[in-house]
Amino acid sequence: MKAHLQTATFPAMAAERLKACLQDIIAQRGKASLDHLATMETADAMAWLETLPGIARKISAGIMNTSQFDRKALVLDTGHRRVVQRMGLVPPKADTTRAYDELMPILPPEWSAADLDEHHLLGKRLAQTICRPKRPDCPSCPVRADCETGRTL
């Protein structure tokens, strides 16, 4: 975890949130463990995680998807959300929770947790390189034909 805190945008804030989460987990569960989530449905486990300080949909999905739980939960960061909004897959003003709720039912049911993680990483990369917040490079976009915004330019 130390390496992640060192590369965080606001490491002191991240460290305080982590400490608050651990204290809350220990207060509720008697130990610093999320093992109880293994028997819960993914949506219920994410809802429980989102009661912890500083945990919202992106983080709860990340915990369920890229950890020992290996669950089908799509991580959506700001850039990835921007891509799917411009594509017309979710409403333009949708927050992360609403975007998640709109996308999960339309993703291929055969996709694994690893496939969802790859979708996230590819969407994030597309947002960083081509589908930037200002002046997106739509002519170079590999998904332009499927994108509402790209087709109008």
N, C-alpha and C. Protein backbone atom coordinates (compact mmCIF):
# COMPACT_ATOMS: atom_id res chain seq x y z
N MET A 1 0.82 -1.20 0.00
CA MET A 1 0.00 0.00 0.00
C MET A 1 0.86 1.25 0.00
N LYS A 2 2.04 1.18 0.57
CA LYS A 2 2.91 2.34 0.64
C LYS A 2 3.18 2.93 -0.75
N ALA A 3 3.46 2.08 -1.72
CA ALA A 3 3.74 2.56 -3.07
C ALA A 3 2.53 3.28 -3.64
N HIS A 4 1.32 2.78 -3.37
CA HIS A 4 0.13 3.42 -3.87
C HIS A 4 -0.07 4.79 -3.23
N LEU A 5 0.21 4.92 -1.97
CA LEU A 5 0.07 6.21 -1.31
C LEU A 5 1.10 7.20 -1.82
N GLN A 6 2.29 6.74 -2.14
CA GLN A 6 3.33 7.63 -2.65
C GLN A 6 2.96 8.19 -4.01
N THR A 7 2.25 7.43 -4.82
CA THR A 7 1.90 7.89 -6.16
C THR A 7 0.52 8.53 -6.21
N ALA A 8 -0.20 8.56 -5.11
CA ALA A 8 -1.52 9.18 -5.07
C ALA A 8 -1.39 10.68 -5.26
N THR A 9 -2.44 11.28 -5.84
CA THR A 9 -2.44 12.72 -6.06
C THR A 9 -2.38 13.47 -4.74
N PHE A 10 -3.12 13.01 -3.76
CA PHE A 10 -3.13 13.62 -2.44
C PHE A 10 -2.82 12.53 -1.41
N PRO A 11 -1.55 12.16 -1.25
CA PRO A 11 -1.20 11.01 -0.40
C PRO A 11 -1.61 11.18 1.06
N ALA A 12 -1.51 12.37 1.60
CA ALA A 12 -1.89 12.56 3.01
C ALA A 12 -3.39 12.31 3.19
N MET A 13 -4.19 12.80 2.25
CA MET A 13 -5.64 12.59 2.33
C MET A 13 -5.95 11.10 2.16
N ALA A 14 -5.28 10.44 1.23
CA ALA A 14 -5.50 9.01 1.02
C ALA A 14 -5.13 8.22 2.27
N ALA A 15 -4.05 8.59 2.92
CA ALA A 15 -3.63 7.90 4.14
C ALA A 15 -4.66 8.09 5.26
N GLU A 16 -5.20 9.29 5.38
CA GLU A 16 -6.22 9.55 6.41
C GLU A 16 -7.49 8.75 6.13
N ARG A 17 -7.89 8.68 4.85
CA ARG A 17 -9.08 7.91 4.49
C ARG A 17 -8.87 6.42 4.75
N LEU A 18 -7.68 5.93 4.41
CA LEU A 18 -7.37 4.52 4.66
C LEU A 18 -7.44 4.22 6.15
N LYS A 19 -6.85 5.09 6.94
CA LYS A 19 -6.88 4.91 8.40
C LYS A 19 -8.32 4.92 8.91
N ALA A 20 -9.12 5.87 8.43
CA ALA A 20 -10.51 5.95 8.86
C ALA A 20 -11.29 4.70 8.45
N CYS A 21 -11.04 4.19 7.25
CA CYS A 21 -11.71 2.96 6.79
C CYS A 21 -11.33 1.78 7.67
N LEU A 22 -10.05 1.62 7.94
CA LEU A 22 -9.60 0.51 8.78
C LEU A 22 -10.20 0.60 10.18
N GLN A 23 -10.24 1.80 10.73
CA GLN A 23 -10.83 1.98 12.06
C GLN A 23 -12.32 1.61 12.04
N ASP A 24 -13.01 2.02 10.98
CA ASP A 24 -14.43 1.72 10.86
C ASP A 24 -14.67 0.21 10.69
N ILE A 25 -13.85 -0.44 9.86
CA ILE A 25 -13.97 -1.89 9.67
C ILE A 25 -13.73 -2.62 10.98
N ILE A 26 -12.69 -2.23 11.71
CA ILE A 26 -12.39 -2.86 13.00
C ILE A 26 -13.53 -2.63 13.99
N ALA A 27 -14.07 -1.41 14.01
CA ALA A 27 -15.19 -1.12 14.92
C ALA A 27 -16.41 -1.98 14.60
N GLN A 28 -16.68 -2.19 13.30
CA GLN A 28 -17.85 -2.97 12.89
C GLN A 28 -17.64 -4.48 12.95
N ARG A 29 -16.44 -4.92 12.59
CA ARG A 29 -16.19 -6.35 12.40
C ARG A 29 -15.28 -6.97 13.46
N GLY A 30 -14.62 -6.13 14.27
CA GLY A 30 -13.73 -6.65 15.30
C GLY A 30 -12.33 -6.94 14.81
N LYS A 31 -12.09 -6.81 13.54
CA LYS A 31 -10.75 -7.01 12.96
C LYS A 31 -10.69 -6.34 11.60
N ALA A 32 -9.47 -6.12 11.13
CA ALA A 32 -9.26 -5.48 9.83
C ALA A 32 -9.32 -6.53 8.73
N SER A 33 -10.53 -6.90 8.39
CA SER A 33 -10.74 -7.95 7.39
C SER A 33 -12.03 -7.69 6.62
N LEU A 34 -11.99 -8.01 5.35
CA LEU A 34 -13.19 -7.92 4.52
C LEU A 34 -13.70 -9.30 4.13
N ASP A 35 -13.26 -10.32 4.85
CA ASP A 35 -13.64 -11.69 4.53
C ASP A 35 -15.15 -11.90 4.49
N HIS A 36 -15.88 -11.14 5.29
CA HIS A 36 -17.34 -11.31 5.32
C HIS A 36 -17.99 -10.97 3.98
N LEU A 37 -17.31 -10.21 3.14
CA LEU A 37 -17.87 -9.84 1.84
C LEU A 37 -17.93 -11.02 0.88
N ALA A 38 -17.13 -12.03 1.13
CA ALA A 38 -17.05 -13.19 0.22
C ALA A 38 -18.39 -13.90 0.07
N THR A 39 -19.22 -13.87 1.09
CA THR A 39 -20.50 -14.58 1.05
C THR A 39 -21.65 -13.68 0.62
N MET A 40 -21.36 -12.40 0.41
CA MET A 40 -22.41 -11.45 0.03
C MET A 40 -22.52 -11.35 -1.48
N GLU A 41 -23.71 -11.01 -1.97
CA GLU A 41 -23.89 -10.68 -3.38
C GLU A 41 -23.03 -9.45 -3.68
N THR A 42 -22.55 -9.34 -4.90
CA THR A 42 -21.65 -8.23 -5.27
C THR A 42 -22.27 -6.87 -4.96
N ALA A 43 -23.51 -6.66 -5.35
CA ALA A 43 -24.16 -5.37 -5.11
C ALA A 43 -24.25 -5.07 -3.61
N ASP A 44 -24.55 -6.07 -2.80
CA ASP A 44 -24.64 -5.87 -1.35
C ASP A 44 -23.27 -5.58 -0.75
N ALA A 45 -22.25 -6.29 -1.24
CA ALA A 45 -20.89 -6.05 -0.75
C ALA A 45 -20.44 -4.64 -1.11
N MET A 46 -20.75 -4.21 -2.33
CA MET A 46 -20.37 -2.85 -2.72
C MET A 46 -21.12 -1.81 -1.89
N ALA A 47 -22.39 -2.06 -1.62
CA ALA A 47 -23.16 -1.13 -0.78
C ALA A 47 -22.56 -1.05 0.62
N TRP A 48 -22.13 -2.18 1.17
CA TRP A 48 -21.49 -2.17 2.49
C TRP A 48 -20.20 -1.36 2.44
N LEU A 49 -19.39 -1.60 1.43
CA LEU A 49 -18.12 -0.86 1.30
C LEU A 49 -18.37 0.64 1.20
N GLU A 50 -19.44 1.02 0.51
CA GLU A 50 -19.74 2.44 0.30
C GLU A 50 -20.24 3.15 1.55
N THR A 51 -20.41 2.40 2.65
CA THR A 51 -20.72 3.04 3.93
C THR A 51 -19.45 3.48 4.64
N LEU A 52 -18.31 3.02 4.16
CA LEU A 52 -17.03 3.37 4.79
C LEU A 52 -16.60 4.77 4.36
N PRO A 53 -15.83 5.46 5.20
CA PRO A 53 -15.39 6.82 4.88
C PRO A 53 -14.58 6.89 3.58
N GLY A 54 -15.00 7.76 2.67
CA GLY A 54 -14.27 8.00 1.44
C GLY A 54 -14.43 6.94 0.36
N ILE A 55 -15.29 5.95 0.58
CA ILE A 55 -15.47 4.89 -0.41
C ILE A 55 -16.74 5.17 -1.22
N ALA A 56 -16.56 5.31 -2.53
CA ALA A 56 -17.69 5.49 -3.43
C ALA A 56 -17.65 4.36 -4.46
N ARG A 57 -18.44 4.46 -5.49
CA ARG A 57 -18.62 3.38 -6.44
C ARG A 57 -17.32 2.93 -7.13
N LYS A 58 -16.48 3.85 -7.55
CA LYS A 58 -15.24 3.46 -8.22
C LYS A 58 -14.39 2.55 -7.33
N ILE A 59 -14.23 2.93 -6.08
CA ILE A 59 -13.39 2.17 -5.15
C ILE A 59 -14.06 0.85 -4.78
N SER A 60 -15.36 0.86 -4.52
CA SER A 60 -16.03 -0.38 -4.15
C SER A 60 -15.98 -1.38 -5.30
N ALA A 61 -16.15 -0.91 -6.53
CA ALA A 61 -16.05 -1.80 -7.70
C ALA A 61 -14.63 -2.33 -7.83
N GLY A 62 -13.64 -1.47 -7.60
CA GLY A 62 -12.25 -1.90 -7.67
C GLY A 62 -11.92 -2.97 -6.65
N ILE A 63 -12.44 -2.81 -5.45
CA ILE A 63 -12.19 -3.81 -4.40
C ILE A 63 -12.82 -5.14 -4.80
N MET A 64 -14.04 -5.10 -5.31
CA MET A 64 -14.72 -6.34 -5.67
C MET A 64 -14.12 -6.97 -6.93
N ASN A 65 -13.63 -6.15 -7.87
CA ASN A 65 -13.14 -6.68 -9.14
C ASN A 65 -11.69 -7.13 -9.10
N THR A 66 -10.81 -6.32 -8.58
CA THR A 66 -9.37 -6.59 -8.72
C THR A 66 -8.72 -7.12 -7.45
N SER A 67 -9.49 -7.72 -6.60
CA SER A 67 -8.95 -8.27 -5.36
C SER A 67 -9.21 -9.78 -5.34
N GLN A 68 -9.07 -10.34 -4.18
CA GLN A 68 -9.34 -11.77 -4.01
C GLN A 68 -10.77 -12.13 -4.37
N PHE A 69 -11.67 -11.16 -4.40
CA PHE A 69 -13.08 -11.45 -4.68
C PHE A 69 -13.32 -11.78 -6.16
N ASP A 70 -12.55 -11.16 -7.06
CA ASP A 70 -12.61 -11.46 -8.49
C ASP A 70 -14.05 -11.44 -9.01
N ARG A 71 -14.77 -10.35 -8.68
CA ARG A 71 -16.18 -10.22 -9.04
C ARG A 71 -16.35 -9.36 -10.28
N LYS A 72 -17.46 -9.55 -10.95
CA LYS A 72 -17.82 -8.74 -12.11
C LYS A 72 -18.35 -7.40 -11.61
N ALA A 73 -17.46 -6.43 -11.55
CA ALA A 73 -17.80 -5.07 -11.14
C ALA A 73 -16.93 -4.13 -11.95
N LEU A 74 -17.54 -3.24 -12.71
CA LEU A 74 -16.81 -2.35 -13.60
C LEU A 74 -16.31 -1.11 -12.86
N VAL A 75 -15.02 -0.91 -12.88
CA VAL A 75 -14.42 0.29 -12.30
C VAL A 75 -14.56 1.41 -13.33
N LEU A 76 -15.10 2.53 -12.89
CA LEU A 76 -15.27 3.69 -13.77
C LEU A 76 -14.59 4.89 -13.15
N ASP A 77 -13.50 5.33 -13.77
CA ASP A 77 -12.91 6.58 -13.32
C ASP A 77 -13.47 7.70 -14.19
N THR A 78 -13.07 8.91 -13.94
CA THR A 78 -13.62 10.06 -14.65
C THR A 78 -13.42 9.97 -16.15
N GLY A 79 -12.23 9.60 -16.59
CA GLY A 79 -11.95 9.53 -18.03
C GLY A 79 -12.75 8.46 -18.72
N HIS A 80 -12.81 7.29 -18.13
CA HIS A 80 -13.58 6.17 -18.70
C HIS A 80 -15.05 6.56 -18.79
N ARG A 81 -15.56 7.20 -17.76
CA ARG A 81 -16.95 7.65 -17.77
C ARG A 81 -17.18 8.66 -18.89
N ARG A 82 -16.22 9.56 -19.11
CA ARG A 82 -16.32 10.53 -20.20
C ARG A 82 -16.43 9.82 -21.55
N VAL A 83 -15.64 8.78 -21.76
CA VAL A 83 -15.68 8.03 -23.02
C VAL A 83 -17.06 7.44 -23.24
N VAL A 84 -17.61 6.74 -22.25
CA VAL A 84 -18.91 6.09 -22.44
C VAL A 84 -20.04 7.12 -22.53
N GLN A 85 -19.86 8.28 -21.92
CA GLN A 85 -20.86 9.35 -22.06
C GLN A 85 -20.83 9.89 -23.49
N ARG A 86 -19.65 10.16 -24.01
CA ARG A 86 -19.55 10.66 -25.38
C ARG A 86 -20.03 9.64 -26.39
N MET A 87 -19.86 8.37 -26.08
CA MET A 87 -20.34 7.33 -26.98
C MET A 87 -21.87 7.23 -26.95
N GLY A 88 -22.50 7.80 -25.92
CA GLY A 88 -23.95 7.75 -25.80
C GLY A 88 -24.45 6.54 -25.03
N LEU A 89 -23.54 5.84 -24.36
CA LEU A 89 -23.94 4.65 -23.59
C LEU A 89 -24.56 5.01 -22.25
N VAL A 90 -24.22 6.18 -21.73
CA VAL A 90 -24.81 6.67 -20.48
C VAL A 90 -25.12 8.16 -20.67
N PRO A 91 -26.07 8.69 -19.91
CA PRO A 91 -26.42 10.10 -20.05
C PRO A 91 -25.23 11.03 -19.79
N PRO A 92 -25.20 12.17 -20.47
CA PRO A 92 -24.07 13.10 -20.34
C PRO A 92 -23.79 13.57 -18.91
N LYS A 93 -24.79 13.70 -18.09
CA LYS A 93 -24.61 14.21 -16.73
C LYS A 93 -24.56 13.11 -15.68
N ALA A 94 -24.49 11.85 -16.11
CA ALA A 94 -24.51 10.73 -15.16
C ALA A 94 -23.26 10.74 -14.28
N ASP A 95 -23.47 10.56 -12.97
CA ASP A 95 -22.33 10.40 -12.07
C ASP A 95 -21.83 8.96 -12.18
N THR A 96 -20.80 8.62 -11.45
CA THR A 96 -20.20 7.29 -11.56
C THR A 96 -21.19 6.19 -11.19
N THR A 97 -21.96 6.39 -10.15
CA THR A 97 -22.92 5.37 -9.73
C THR A 97 -23.97 5.14 -10.81
N ARG A 98 -24.52 6.20 -11.36
CA ARG A 98 -25.53 6.04 -12.41
C ARG A 98 -24.92 5.42 -13.66
N ALA A 99 -23.72 5.85 -14.03
CA ALA A 99 -23.06 5.27 -15.20
C ALA A 99 -22.83 3.77 -14.99
N TYR A 100 -22.40 3.40 -13.81
CA TYR A 100 -22.20 1.99 -13.48
C TYR A 100 -23.51 1.22 -13.63
N ASP A 101 -24.58 1.77 -13.06
CA ASP A 101 -25.88 1.11 -13.11
C ASP A 101 -26.42 0.99 -14.54
N GLU A 102 -26.07 1.93 -15.40
CA GLU A 102 -26.50 1.88 -16.80
C GLU A 102 -25.67 0.87 -17.60
N LEU A 103 -24.37 0.79 -17.32
CA LEU A 103 -23.47 -0.05 -18.11
C LEU A 103 -23.51 -1.53 -17.74
N MET A 104 -23.56 -1.84 -16.47
CA MET A 104 -23.46 -3.24 -16.05
C MET A 104 -24.47 -4.16 -16.76
N PRO A 105 -25.73 -3.76 -16.91
CA PRO A 105 -26.68 -4.66 -17.56
C PRO A 105 -26.43 -4.87 -19.06
N ILE A 106 -25.71 -3.96 -19.71
CA ILE A 106 -25.52 -4.10 -21.16
C ILE A 106 -24.17 -4.70 -21.53
N LEU A 107 -23.33 -4.95 -20.55
CA LEU A 107 -22.05 -5.60 -20.83
C LEU A 107 -22.29 -7.08 -21.12
N PRO A 108 -21.47 -7.66 -21.99
CA PRO A 108 -21.68 -9.07 -22.32
C PRO A 108 -21.66 -9.96 -21.07
N PRO A 109 -22.67 -10.79 -20.89
CA PRO A 109 -22.76 -11.62 -19.69
C PRO A 109 -21.62 -12.62 -19.55
N GLU A 110 -20.99 -12.97 -20.66
CA GLU A 110 -19.89 -13.94 -20.60
C GLU A 110 -18.57 -13.30 -20.16
N TRP A 111 -18.52 -11.97 -20.07
CA TRP A 111 -17.29 -11.32 -19.64
C TRP A 111 -16.98 -11.69 -18.19
N SER A 112 -15.71 -11.94 -17.93
CA SER A 112 -15.23 -12.24 -16.59
C SER A 112 -14.85 -10.95 -15.87
N ALA A 113 -14.47 -11.08 -14.61
CA ALA A 113 -13.97 -9.93 -13.86
C ALA A 113 -12.73 -9.36 -14.56
N ALA A 114 -11.87 -10.22 -15.08
CA ALA A 114 -10.67 -9.76 -15.79
C ALA A 114 -11.05 -9.00 -17.06
N ASP A 115 -12.09 -9.43 -17.76
CA ASP A 115 -12.54 -8.72 -18.95
C ASP A 115 -13.04 -7.32 -18.59
N LEU A 116 -13.77 -7.22 -17.48
CA LEU A 116 -14.25 -5.91 -17.04
C LEU A 116 -13.09 -5.01 -16.65
N ASP A 117 -12.07 -5.58 -16.02
CA ASP A 117 -10.89 -4.79 -15.67
C ASP A 117 -10.18 -4.31 -16.93
N GLU A 118 -10.08 -5.17 -17.94
CA GLU A 118 -9.45 -4.76 -19.20
C GLU A 118 -10.26 -3.65 -19.87
N HIS A 119 -11.59 -3.75 -19.82
CA HIS A 119 -12.46 -2.70 -20.37
C HIS A 119 -12.14 -1.37 -19.69
N HIS A 120 -12.04 -1.42 -18.37
CA HIS A 120 -11.71 -0.21 -17.61
C HIS A 120 -10.36 0.36 -18.05
N LEU A 121 -9.35 -0.49 -18.11
CA LEU A 121 -8.01 -0.01 -18.46
C LEU A 121 -7.96 0.54 -19.88
N LEU A 122 -8.65 -0.09 -20.82
CA LEU A 122 -8.68 0.41 -22.19
C LEU A 122 -9.46 1.71 -22.29
N GLY A 123 -10.59 1.79 -21.57
CA GLY A 123 -11.36 3.04 -21.56
C GLY A 123 -10.58 4.18 -20.95
N LYS A 124 -9.87 3.90 -19.89
CA LYS A 124 -9.04 4.90 -19.22
C LYS A 124 -7.92 5.38 -20.15
N ARG A 125 -7.28 4.44 -20.84
CA ARG A 125 -6.20 4.78 -21.76
C ARG A 125 -6.72 5.62 -22.94
N LEU A 126 -7.89 5.25 -23.46
CA LEU A 126 -8.50 6.01 -24.55
C LEU A 126 -8.78 7.44 -24.10
N ALA A 127 -9.26 7.59 -22.87
CA ALA A 127 -9.55 8.91 -22.32
C ALA A 127 -8.29 9.75 -22.14
N GLN A 128 -7.19 9.11 -21.79
CA GLN A 128 -5.93 9.83 -21.56
C GLN A 128 -5.25 10.26 -22.86
N THR A 129 -5.47 9.49 -23.92
CA THR A 129 -4.71 9.74 -25.15
C THR A 129 -5.51 10.36 -26.28
N ILE A 130 -6.78 10.00 -26.42
CA ILE A 130 -7.57 10.46 -27.57
C ILE A 130 -8.82 11.21 -27.15
N CYS A 131 -9.57 10.67 -26.22
CA CYS A 131 -10.85 11.26 -25.81
C CYS A 131 -10.63 12.17 -24.61
N ARG A 132 -9.76 13.12 -24.80
CA ARG A 132 -9.40 14.05 -23.72
C ARG A 132 -10.56 15.00 -23.42
N PRO A 133 -10.56 15.60 -22.23
CA PRO A 133 -11.68 16.48 -21.85
C PRO A 133 -11.90 17.62 -22.84
N LYS A 134 -10.83 18.26 -23.23
CA LYS A 134 -10.93 19.36 -24.20
C LYS A 134 -10.19 18.93 -25.46
N ARG A 135 -10.75 19.23 -26.60
CA ARG A 135 -10.17 18.90 -27.91
C ARG A 135 -9.88 17.41 -28.07
N PRO A 136 -10.91 16.58 -28.02
CA PRO A 136 -10.68 15.16 -28.27
C PRO A 136 -10.22 14.95 -29.72
N ASP A 137 -9.42 13.96 -29.95
CA ASP A 137 -8.89 13.65 -31.28
C ASP A 137 -9.77 12.61 -31.95
N CYS A 138 -11.01 12.98 -32.24
CA CYS A 138 -11.99 12.05 -32.79
C CYS A 138 -11.54 11.40 -34.10
N PRO A 139 -10.88 12.11 -35.00
CA PRO A 139 -10.46 11.44 -36.24
C PRO A 139 -9.52 10.25 -36.01
N SER A 140 -8.79 10.24 -34.90
CA SER A 140 -7.88 9.14 -34.60
C SER A 140 -8.49 8.06 -33.71
N CYS A 141 -9.73 8.24 -33.33
CA CYS A 141 -10.34 7.33 -32.35
C CYS A 141 -10.72 5.99 -32.96
N PRO A 142 -10.31 4.90 -32.32
CA PRO A 142 -10.65 3.57 -32.84
C PRO A 142 -12.12 3.19 -32.68
N VAL A 143 -12.87 3.92 -31.85
CA VAL A 143 -14.29 3.62 -31.67
C VAL A 143 -15.19 4.72 -32.24
N ARG A 144 -14.63 5.55 -33.09
CA ARG A 144 -15.38 6.69 -33.64
C ARG A 144 -16.69 6.25 -34.30
N ALA A 145 -16.67 5.15 -35.03
CA ALA A 145 -17.88 4.70 -35.74
C ALA A 145 -19.01 4.35 -34.77
N ASP A 146 -18.67 4.02 -33.54
CA ASP A 146 -19.67 3.66 -32.53
C ASP A 146 -19.93 4.78 -31.54
N CYS A 147 -19.40 5.95 -31.81
CA CYS A 147 -19.46 7.07 -30.87
C CYS A 147 -20.37 8.17 -31.38
N GLU A 148 -21.36 8.55 -30.58
CA GLU A 148 -22.27 9.64 -30.97
C GLU A 148 -21.51 10.94 -31.20
N THR A 149 -20.59 11.26 -30.33
CA THR A 149 -19.82 12.50 -30.46
C THR A 149 -18.90 12.44 -31.68
N GLY A 150 -18.19 11.34 -31.84
CA GLY A 150 -17.24 11.20 -32.95
C GLY A 150 -17.90 11.23 -34.30
N ARG A 151 -19.10 10.70 -34.42
CA ARG A 151 -19.80 10.67 -35.71
C ARG A 151 -20.28 12.06 -36.11
N THR A 152 -20.44 12.97 -35.14
CA THR A 152 -20.95 14.31 -35.47
C THR A 152 -19.84 15.26 -35.88
N LEU A 153 -18.59 14.88 -35.66
CA LEU A 153 -17.47 15.78 -36.00
C LEU A 153 -16.95 15.53 -37.39
